[in-house]
Each structure stands twice: as structure tokens, then as C-alpha cells.
Amino acid sequence: MKNGDVITEVNGQKVATGKELQASMRELDGSAVTFGYTRNGTQGTVTVEPVPHEGYTLGLDYGYDYEKTSAAGVVKYGFIEVKHWIVLTVQSVGYLISGKVSTKDLAGPVGIVDMVGGQIEQSKEYGISMVLKSIMYMTILLSANLGVMNLLPIPALDGGRLVFLLIEAVRGKPIDQEKEGIVHLIGFGALMLLMVFVMFNDISRLVK
């Protein structure tokens, strides 16, 4: 299947909304499943053999159940959720540095607004509760991203400042403020160039 295909059947059962697809997916027993779909007005089918999934996903998935918990449980799972997004963000930075993720996948303010809008549109049919949950998930994701990126050892960011403080602690004397300022200025200029590049990526994706 390709991006843009519309699922219309699950094992011969008609589905017209995300809710109906979710209900159909919950009835599966782990054996092969046949999806009916339309692509540019043409109908097709594809049979998929389920395999265990490992790793993280970003966005909304089908087939998730909910369980009530205590206030302590809410705090506990809140920390787990934040840890999940922080680990995912660190891994993403690693993938970007190693080349496993393309720089074209970077998103800035324009891309973020587009993603949030897409999440809200997908959640509408499930009611205001799901819309609010989607917004909260995106808020956690953005906070984790900003926190991790701000602590990277890059001049002009807090992480860059921490590097200078560490150097001062090792040397036992402060670094020349003028020289440190020049380094931060260069880092700030590089960040601005990166923002222009990311903005160009965002606009290019929207135009396509």
C-alpha cells in the first residue's frame, strides 16, 4: 500500500471511518488479514501477515485500550511518557548525525503547525476528549524536543554555555568574555541559517 490509499475493507468487512477500522482491527486474531483499498479511484486488495512490532511510533495508532488508575499512577505514567519522548528525541538526533534520517525530514514552526493541525483533524471524529489528548501528546513531544536541543553543546544554546562553564571549572579561571561572545555569535548565526533551511523544507512540503 502507498501513502494516500484509502482502506475500505478489512477481511471483507466494510469500513468507512477510523472508528470502524479500529473496531475491525480489534477483532483480528494475529493471522493474515486482507485489506481492501482505493487508490486514485481504482480498487485493490493486499494481504498482510502480522509480525511483532518493536520500536517507537509517532502519531495515532489503532487498537489502544485505556485503563483507569490512581493519582500516583498518573504521575508514574506521566514520567514514563516524558522519558519516552526524550529518549525518542535523543535517538532522532543520533539518526540525523549518522545519516539514517535525512535533513529533509527536519521540521520548524510551519511544519509543527501543520502536524498539529493534522492530528486535530484525525482526532475530530473521536470527540473533544481525543482532540485534547492529541494536543497534550504533541505538547509533550515539542517540550522534549526543545529541552534536548537546548542542552546540546552548541554555541548560543544553554548546552553551549554549560560547555564553557565546564571548561572554566577545569581551568580554574574564567574564559575571556569577548572571545566567548564571538563563539556564541557564530553559533547563533549558524542556528539562523539552519532555521532558514528548515523553513524552506516546511514550505516545500506544504506546496507539494
Protein backbone atom coordinates (compact mmCIF):
# COMPACT_ATOMS: atom_id res chain seq x y z
CA MET A 1 0.00 0.00 0.00
CA LYS A 2 1.08 3.58 -0.60
CA ASN A 3 0.59 6.95 1.04
CA GLY A 4 -2.86 8.24 0.06
CA ASP A 5 -4.54 4.82 -0.22
CA VAL A 6 -7.96 4.68 1.48
CA ILE A 7 -8.81 1.47 3.36
CA THR A 8 -12.38 0.37 2.59
CA GLU A 9 -12.48 -3.26 3.83
CA VAL A 10 -10.87 -5.49 6.46
CA ASN A 11 -11.28 -9.21 5.66
CA GLY A 12 -14.34 -8.39 3.57
CA GLN A 13 -15.92 -6.16 6.24
CA LYS A 14 -16.68 -2.64 5.03
CA VAL A 15 -15.10 0.25 6.95
CA ALA A 16 -15.80 3.92 6.33
CA THR A 17 -14.26 5.71 9.33
CA GLY A 18 -11.29 5.42 11.65
CA LYS A 19 -13.61 4.16 14.40
CA GLU A 20 -14.87 1.31 12.23
CA LEU A 21 -11.31 0.42 11.22
CA GLN A 22 -10.31 0.38 14.89
CA ALA A 23 -13.19 -1.96 15.74
CA SER A 24 -12.27 -4.30 12.88
CA MET A 25 -8.61 -4.38 13.88
CA ARG A 26 -9.55 -5.38 17.44
CA GLU A 27 -11.32 -8.48 16.11
CA LEU A 28 -8.16 -9.82 14.42
CA ASP A 29 -6.53 -12.91 15.91
CA GLY A 30 -2.99 -12.47 14.59
CA SER A 31 -3.47 -14.41 11.36
CA ALA A 32 -3.13 -12.93 7.86
CA VAL A 33 -5.52 -10.04 7.13
CA THR A 34 -6.75 -8.81 3.75
CA PHE A 35 -7.31 -5.09 3.26
CA GLY A 36 -9.44 -3.65 0.50
CA TYR A 37 -8.49 -0.14 -0.58
CA THR A 38 -8.93 2.50 -3.26
CA ARG A 39 -6.08 4.34 -4.99
CA ASN A 40 -6.92 7.23 -7.30
CA GLY A 41 -10.37 5.73 -7.91
CA THR A 42 -9.07 2.21 -8.54
CA GLN A 43 -9.88 -0.62 -6.12
CA GLY A 44 -7.31 -3.13 -4.92
CA THR A 45 -6.58 -5.66 -2.18
CA VAL A 46 -3.47 -6.62 -0.23
CA THR A 47 -2.90 -9.44 2.26
CA VAL A 48 -0.67 -8.72 5.24
CA GLU A 49 0.96 -11.23 7.59
CA PRO A 50 1.20 -9.55 11.04
CA VAL A 51 4.61 -9.56 12.77
CA PRO A 52 5.51 -8.38 16.30
CA HIS A 53 6.31 -4.67 16.34
CA GLU A 54 9.34 -3.26 18.14
CA GLY A 55 10.26 0.39 18.48
CA TYR A 56 8.51 3.72 18.84
CA THR A 57 5.74 5.24 16.78
CA LEU A 58 4.82 8.88 16.36
CA GLY A 59 1.18 9.88 15.94
CA LEU A 60 -2.09 8.00 16.40
CA ASP A 61 -2.41 4.21 16.21
CA TYR A 62 -5.45 1.96 16.25
CA GLY A 63 -6.27 -0.71 18.79
CA TYR A 64 -5.16 1.00 22.01
CA ASP A 65 -7.16 0.38 25.18
CA TYR A 66 -7.38 2.67 28.21
CA GLU A 67 -7.23 1.83 31.89
CA LYS A 68 -8.19 3.96 34.88
CA THR A 69 -5.51 4.48 37.51
CA SER A 70 -4.87 6.36 40.73
CA ALA A 71 -3.28 9.80 41.11
CA ALA A 72 0.05 8.09 41.85
CA GLY A 73 -0.37 6.04 38.69
CA VAL A 74 -0.99 9.20 36.66
CA VAL A 75 2.26 10.72 37.97
CA LYS A 76 4.14 7.48 37.31
CA TYR A 77 2.93 7.10 33.73
CA GLY A 78 3.43 10.83 33.18
CA PHE A 79 7.15 10.38 33.91
CA ILE A 80 7.24 7.28 31.67
CA GLU A 81 5.63 9.22 28.81
CA VAL A 82 8.06 12.14 29.14
CA LYS A 83 11.01 9.71 29.30
CA HIS A 84 9.73 8.01 26.14
CA TRP A 85 9.70 11.27 24.17
CA ILE A 86 13.09 12.38 25.49
CA VAL A 87 14.67 9.04 24.51
CA LEU A 88 13.00 9.23 21.10
CA THR A 89 14.29 12.78 20.59
CA VAL A 90 17.86 11.78 21.52
CA GLN A 91 17.65 8.80 19.16
CA SER A 92 16.37 11.06 16.39
CA VAL A 93 19.34 13.40 16.83
CA GLY A 94 21.63 10.36 16.63
CA TYR A 95 19.91 9.15 13.45
CA LEU A 96 20.29 12.64 11.94
CA ILE A 97 24.01 12.74 12.72
CA SER A 98 24.59 9.19 11.41
CA GLY A 99 22.62 9.86 8.23
CA LYS A 100 19.84 7.36 8.97
CA VAL A 101 17.40 10.29 8.85
CA SER A 102 17.52 12.88 6.06
CA THR A 103 17.79 16.58 6.78
CA LYS A 104 14.68 16.90 4.61
CA ASP A 105 12.74 15.35 7.49
CA LEU A 106 13.51 18.31 9.77
CA ALA A 107 10.50 20.45 10.67
CA GLY A 108 10.27 24.00 12.02
CA PRO A 109 7.39 26.23 13.16
CA VAL A 110 5.46 25.89 9.88
CA GLY A 111 5.83 22.10 9.87
CA ILE A 112 4.85 21.87 13.54
CA VAL A 113 1.65 23.85 12.98
CA ASP A 114 0.82 21.61 10.01
CA MET A 115 1.40 18.44 12.10
CA VAL A 116 -0.72 19.73 14.99
CA GLY A 117 -3.50 20.61 12.56
CA GLY A 118 -3.31 17.12 11.03
CA GLN A 119 -3.54 15.49 14.47
CA ILE A 120 -6.60 17.55 15.35
CA GLU A 121 -8.31 16.67 12.05
CA GLN A 122 -7.64 12.94 12.61
CA SER A 123 -8.98 13.12 16.17
CA LYS A 124 -12.20 15.06 15.48
CA GLU A 125 -14.40 12.04 14.86
CA TYR A 126 -13.49 10.62 18.29
CA GLY A 127 -14.71 13.70 20.13
CA ILE A 128 -13.23 16.60 22.06
CA SER A 129 -11.58 14.26 24.58
CA MET A 130 -9.36 12.67 21.91
CA VAL A 131 -8.59 16.08 20.39
CA LEU A 132 -7.35 17.33 23.78
CA LYS A 133 -5.29 14.15 24.28
CA SER A 134 -3.68 14.59 20.86
CA ILE A 135 -2.79 18.21 21.67
CA MET A 136 -1.29 17.13 25.00
CA TYR A 137 0.80 14.45 23.27
CA MET A 138 2.11 17.00 20.79
CA THR A 139 2.87 19.39 23.68
CA ILE A 140 4.95 16.71 25.40
CA LEU A 141 6.75 15.93 22.14
CA LEU A 142 7.59 19.59 21.49
CA SER A 143 8.72 20.16 25.10
CA ALA A 144 11.02 17.13 24.94
CA ASN A 145 12.46 18.28 21.62
CA LEU A 146 13.11 21.80 22.88
CA GLY A 147 14.65 20.52 26.12
CA VAL A 148 17.02 18.10 24.40
CA MET A 149 18.01 20.51 21.62
CA ASN A 150 18.65 23.34 24.11
CA LEU A 151 21.09 21.14 26.06
CA LEU A 152 23.15 20.17 23.01
CA PRO A 153 26.74 21.54 23.20
CA ILE A 154 26.08 24.17 20.55
CA PRO A 155 27.17 27.82 20.99
CA ALA A 156 24.29 30.24 21.68
CA LEU A 157 22.29 27.47 23.41
CA ASP A 158 22.27 26.60 27.11
CA GLY A 159 24.26 23.46 26.30
CA GLY A 160 26.99 25.60 24.76
CA ARG A 161 27.08 27.79 27.87
CA LEU A 162 27.41 24.68 30.05
CA VAL A 163 30.45 23.63 28.00
CA PHE A 164 32.13 26.97 28.73
CA LEU A 165 31.32 26.63 32.44
CA LEU A 166 32.85 23.16 32.44
CA ILE A 167 35.99 24.48 30.73
CA GLU A 168 36.22 27.27 33.31
CA ALA A 169 35.87 24.72 36.13
CA VAL A 170 38.72 22.63 34.69
CA ARG A 171 40.97 25.65 34.02
CA GLY A 172 40.22 27.25 37.36
CA LYS A 173 39.74 30.67 35.80
CA PRO A 174 37.11 32.40 33.65
CA ILE A 175 37.24 32.49 29.85
CA ASP A 176 37.63 35.85 28.14
CA GLN A 177 34.07 37.18 27.77
CA GLU A 178 34.78 38.76 24.40
CA LYS A 179 36.05 35.51 22.90
CA GLU A 180 33.13 33.58 24.36
CA GLY A 181 30.74 36.16 22.91
CA ILE A 182 32.26 35.75 19.44
CA VAL A 183 31.80 31.95 19.64
CA HIS A 184 28.16 32.35 20.69
CA LEU A 185 27.59 34.88 17.90
CA ILE A 186 28.92 32.43 15.32
CA GLY A 187 26.71 29.70 16.79
CA PHE A 188 23.68 31.99 16.68
CA GLY A 189 24.37 32.77 13.01
CA ALA A 190 24.61 29.05 12.23
CA LEU A 191 21.29 28.44 14.01
CA MET A 192 19.62 31.20 11.98
CA LEU A 193 20.88 29.61 8.74
CA LEU A 194 19.50 26.27 9.96
CA MET A 195 16.12 27.91 10.64
CA VAL A 196 16.03 29.29 7.09
CA PHE A 197 16.81 25.80 5.72
CA VAL A 198 14.13 24.18 7.89
CA MET A 199 11.58 26.84 6.93
CA PHE A 200 12.32 26.15 3.27
CA ASN A 201 11.75 22.41 3.91
CA ASP A 202 8.41 23.12 5.61
CA ILE A 203 7.13 25.35 2.82
CA SER A 204 8.31 22.90 0.14
CA ARG A 205 6.36 20.06 1.79
CA LEU A 206 3.22 22.19 2.02
CA VAL A 207 3.48 23.22 -1.63
CA LYS A 208 3.83 19.57 -2.71
